Amino acid sequence: MPRSKENVKGLGAKYGSTLRKRYSRVYGGLKAARQCPSCSSMRLARVASGIWRCKSCGYTVAGGAYDLAQAKAK
């Protein structure tokens, strides 16, 4: 059985494939490079749940817990 290239460090087979896929999608989004709305540098990072700060200029913005843009309500 080939191993997937998803980033699922710490999750064993007991958690199931659906949960591992969801985890890898959220974790990948957390670590993605983001552009600062103030200085346009690509150094915006998540500080805490819903708080994003630019490492270059110090600009702080509130957003979603796992993504800067809030998820659209269905």
N, C-alpha and C. Protein backbone atom coordinates (compact mmCIF):
# COMPACT_ATOMS: atom_id res chain seq x y z
N MET A 1 0.83 -1.17 0.00
CA MET A 1 0.00 0.00 0.00
C MET A 1 0.88 1.24 0.00
N PRO A 2 0.75 2.12 -1.00
CA PRO A 2 1.60 3.31 -1.05
C PRO A 2 1.20 4.32 0.01
N ARG A 3 2.19 5.00 0.55
CA ARG A 3 1.93 6.01 1.56
C ARG A 3 1.57 7.33 0.88
N SER A 4 0.62 8.04 1.45
CA SER A 4 0.24 9.33 0.89
C SER A 4 1.28 10.38 1.29
N LYS A 5 1.30 11.49 0.58
CA LYS A 5 2.26 12.55 0.85
C LYS A 5 1.66 13.62 1.75
N GLU A 6 0.60 13.32 2.45
CA GLU A 6 -0.04 14.27 3.34
C GLU A 6 0.80 14.43 4.60
N ASN A 7 0.73 15.59 5.19
CA ASN A 7 1.45 15.86 6.41
C ASN A 7 0.57 15.44 7.59
N VAL A 8 0.73 14.22 8.05
CA VAL A 8 -0.11 13.70 9.12
C VAL A 8 0.75 13.19 10.26
N LYS A 9 1.76 13.94 10.60
CA LYS A 9 2.67 13.54 11.65
C LYS A 9 1.92 13.40 12.98
N GLY A 10 2.06 12.27 13.62
CA GLY A 10 1.43 12.04 14.90
C GLY A 10 0.08 11.36 14.83
N LEU A 11 -0.47 11.22 13.62
CA LEU A 11 -1.76 10.55 13.49
C LEU A 11 -1.54 9.16 12.93
N GLY A 12 -1.92 8.17 13.67
CA GLY A 12 -1.76 6.79 13.23
C GLY A 12 -2.96 6.32 12.42
N ALA A 13 -2.94 5.06 12.09
CA ALA A 13 -4.01 4.48 11.29
C ALA A 13 -5.34 4.44 12.03
N LYS A 14 -5.29 4.51 13.34
CA LYS A 14 -6.52 4.37 14.12
C LYS A 14 -7.47 5.56 13.97
N TYR A 15 -6.99 6.69 13.45
CA TYR A 15 -7.83 7.87 13.34
C TYR A 15 -8.67 7.90 12.07
N GLY A 16 -8.36 7.10 11.10
CA GLY A 16 -9.16 7.04 9.88
C GLY A 16 -8.68 8.01 8.82
N SER A 17 -8.96 7.66 7.57
CA SER A 17 -8.46 8.45 6.45
C SER A 17 -9.13 9.81 6.34
N THR A 18 -10.42 9.90 6.65
CA THR A 18 -11.13 11.17 6.53
C THR A 18 -10.56 12.20 7.49
N LEU A 19 -10.31 11.80 8.71
CA LEU A 19 -9.75 12.73 9.69
C LEU A 19 -8.33 13.13 9.33
N ARG A 20 -7.54 12.20 8.84
CA ARG A 20 -6.17 12.52 8.43
C ARG A 20 -6.16 13.50 7.26
N LYS A 21 -7.06 13.34 6.31
CA LYS A 21 -7.14 14.27 5.17
C LYS A 21 -7.57 15.66 5.63
N ARG A 22 -8.52 15.72 6.53
CA ARG A 22 -8.98 17.00 7.05
C ARG A 22 -7.87 17.70 7.82
N TYR A 23 -7.13 16.95 8.62
CA TYR A 23 -6.02 17.49 9.40
C TYR A 23 -4.93 18.05 8.47
N SER A 24 -4.60 17.31 7.43
CA SER A 24 -3.54 17.76 6.53
C SER A 24 -3.96 19.01 5.77
N ARG A 25 -5.24 19.14 5.44
CA ARG A 25 -5.72 20.33 4.73
C ARG A 25 -5.64 21.55 5.65
N VAL A 26 -6.05 21.42 6.91
CA VAL A 26 -6.01 22.54 7.85
C VAL A 26 -4.57 22.90 8.18
N TYR A 27 -3.73 21.91 8.46
CA TYR A 27 -2.34 22.17 8.83
C TYR A 27 -1.56 22.80 7.67
N GLY A 28 -1.85 22.35 6.46
CA GLY A 28 -1.20 22.95 5.30
C GLY A 28 -1.57 24.41 5.13
N GLY A 29 -2.81 24.74 5.42
CA GLY A 29 -3.26 26.12 5.35
C GLY A 29 -2.64 27.00 6.42
N LEU A 30 -2.39 26.44 7.58
CA LEU A 30 -1.76 27.21 8.66
C LEU A 30 -0.33 27.61 8.30
N LYS A 31 0.37 26.73 7.63
CA LYS A 31 1.78 26.96 7.34
C LYS A 31 2.02 27.65 5.99
N ALA A 32 0.96 27.95 5.25
CA ALA A 32 1.12 28.58 3.94
C ALA A 32 1.58 30.03 4.10
N ALA A 33 2.33 30.51 3.13
CA ALA A 33 2.79 31.90 3.14
C ALA A 33 1.61 32.81 2.81
N ARG A 34 1.47 33.89 3.56
CA ARG A 34 0.38 34.83 3.36
C ARG A 34 0.92 36.24 3.21
N GLN A 35 0.19 37.05 2.45
CA GLN A 35 0.62 38.41 2.19
C GLN A 35 0.01 39.36 3.21
N CYS A 36 0.82 40.23 3.75
CA CYS A 36 0.37 41.23 4.71
C CYS A 36 -0.46 42.30 3.99
N PRO A 37 -1.64 42.64 4.51
CA PRO A 37 -2.44 43.68 3.88
C PRO A 37 -1.83 45.07 4.02
N SER A 38 -0.95 45.26 4.96
CA SER A 38 -0.36 46.57 5.20
C SER A 38 0.90 46.83 4.36
N CYS A 39 1.87 45.91 4.46
CA CYS A 39 3.15 46.16 3.78
C CYS A 39 3.38 45.24 2.58
N SER A 40 2.48 44.34 2.30
CA SER A 40 2.54 43.42 1.15
C SER A 40 3.68 42.42 1.20
N SER A 41 4.31 42.26 2.36
CA SER A 41 5.34 41.23 2.47
C SER A 41 4.66 39.88 2.70
N MET A 42 5.36 38.81 2.44
CA MET A 42 4.81 37.47 2.58
C MET A 42 5.17 36.88 3.95
N ARG A 43 5.09 37.67 5.00
CA ARG A 43 5.51 37.23 6.32
C ARG A 43 4.39 37.27 7.35
N LEU A 44 3.15 37.14 6.91
CA LEU A 44 2.01 37.12 7.82
C LEU A 44 1.88 35.71 8.39
N ALA A 45 1.81 35.59 9.70
CA ALA A 45 1.76 34.28 10.35
C ALA A 45 0.73 34.31 11.47
N ARG A 46 0.23 33.14 11.82
CA ARG A 46 -0.75 33.00 12.88
C ARG A 46 -0.06 33.04 14.23
N VAL A 47 -0.54 33.91 15.11
CA VAL A 47 0.02 34.04 16.45
C VAL A 47 -0.78 33.18 17.41
N ALA A 48 -2.09 33.27 17.35
CA ALA A 48 -3.00 32.50 18.18
C ALA A 48 -4.26 32.25 17.36
N SER A 49 -5.21 31.59 17.94
CA SER A 49 -6.45 31.28 17.23
C SER A 49 -7.16 32.57 16.83
N GLY A 50 -7.19 32.85 15.54
CA GLY A 50 -7.88 34.03 15.02
C GLY A 50 -7.05 35.29 15.01
N ILE A 51 -5.79 35.25 15.42
CA ILE A 51 -4.94 36.44 15.44
C ILE A 51 -3.75 36.20 14.51
N TRP A 52 -3.57 37.10 13.56
CA TRP A 52 -2.51 36.99 12.55
C TRP A 52 -1.65 38.24 12.63
N ARG A 53 -0.32 38.07 12.61
CA ARG A 53 0.60 39.19 12.74
C ARG A 53 1.69 39.10 11.68
N CYS A 54 2.04 40.27 11.14
CA CYS A 54 3.12 40.37 10.16
C CYS A 54 4.45 40.41 10.91
N LYS A 55 5.38 39.58 10.51
CA LYS A 55 6.69 39.55 11.15
C LYS A 55 7.57 40.71 10.69
N SER A 56 7.20 41.32 9.58
CA SER A 56 7.99 42.40 9.02
C SER A 56 7.62 43.76 9.62
N CYS A 57 6.32 44.11 9.58
CA CYS A 57 5.92 45.43 10.04
C CYS A 57 5.18 45.43 11.36
N GLY A 58 4.78 44.26 11.87
CA GLY A 58 4.10 44.17 13.14
C GLY A 58 2.60 44.39 13.07
N TYR A 59 2.05 44.52 11.88
CA TYR A 59 0.61 44.71 11.69
C TYR A 59 -0.14 43.49 12.20
N THR A 60 -1.20 43.70 12.99
CA THR A 60 -1.98 42.61 13.54
C THR A 60 -3.40 42.71 13.01
N VAL A 61 -3.95 41.57 12.61
CA VAL A 61 -5.29 41.52 12.06
C VAL A 61 -6.01 40.29 12.63
N ALA A 62 -7.33 40.42 12.81
CA ALA A 62 -8.13 39.29 13.27
C ALA A 62 -8.75 38.61 12.07
N GLY A 63 -8.83 37.30 12.13
CA GLY A 63 -9.40 36.53 11.04
C GLY A 63 -9.96 35.23 11.56
N GLY A 64 -10.01 34.25 10.71
CA GLY A 64 -10.51 32.95 11.12
C GLY A 64 -9.50 32.21 11.97
N ALA A 65 -9.95 31.15 12.61
CA ALA A 65 -9.07 30.39 13.50
C ALA A 65 -7.97 29.66 12.73
N TYR A 66 -8.29 29.10 11.58
CA TYR A 66 -7.32 28.31 10.83
C TYR A 66 -6.94 28.94 9.50
N ASP A 67 -7.63 29.99 9.11
CA ASP A 67 -7.34 30.67 7.86
C ASP A 67 -7.61 32.15 8.07
N LEU A 68 -6.90 32.99 7.36
CA LEU A 68 -7.07 34.43 7.54
C LEU A 68 -8.48 34.85 7.14
N ALA A 69 -8.98 34.31 6.05
CA ALA A 69 -10.34 34.62 5.60
C ALA A 69 -11.30 33.66 6.30
N GLN A 70 -12.37 34.19 6.83
CA GLN A 70 -13.36 33.36 7.50
C GLN A 70 -14.01 32.42 6.50
N ALA A 71 -14.36 31.24 6.94
CA ALA A 71 -15.04 30.29 6.07
C ALA A 71 -16.43 30.80 5.78
N LYS A 72 -16.89 30.60 4.54
CA LYS A 72 -18.22 31.05 4.16
C LYS A 72 -19.28 30.15 4.77
N ALA A 73 -20.30 30.74 5.33
CA ALA A 73 -21.39 29.97 5.92
C ALA A 73 -22.26 29.43 4.80
N LYS A 74 -22.67 28.17 4.95
CA LYS A 74 -23.51 27.56 3.92
C LYS A 74 -24.95 27.64 4.29
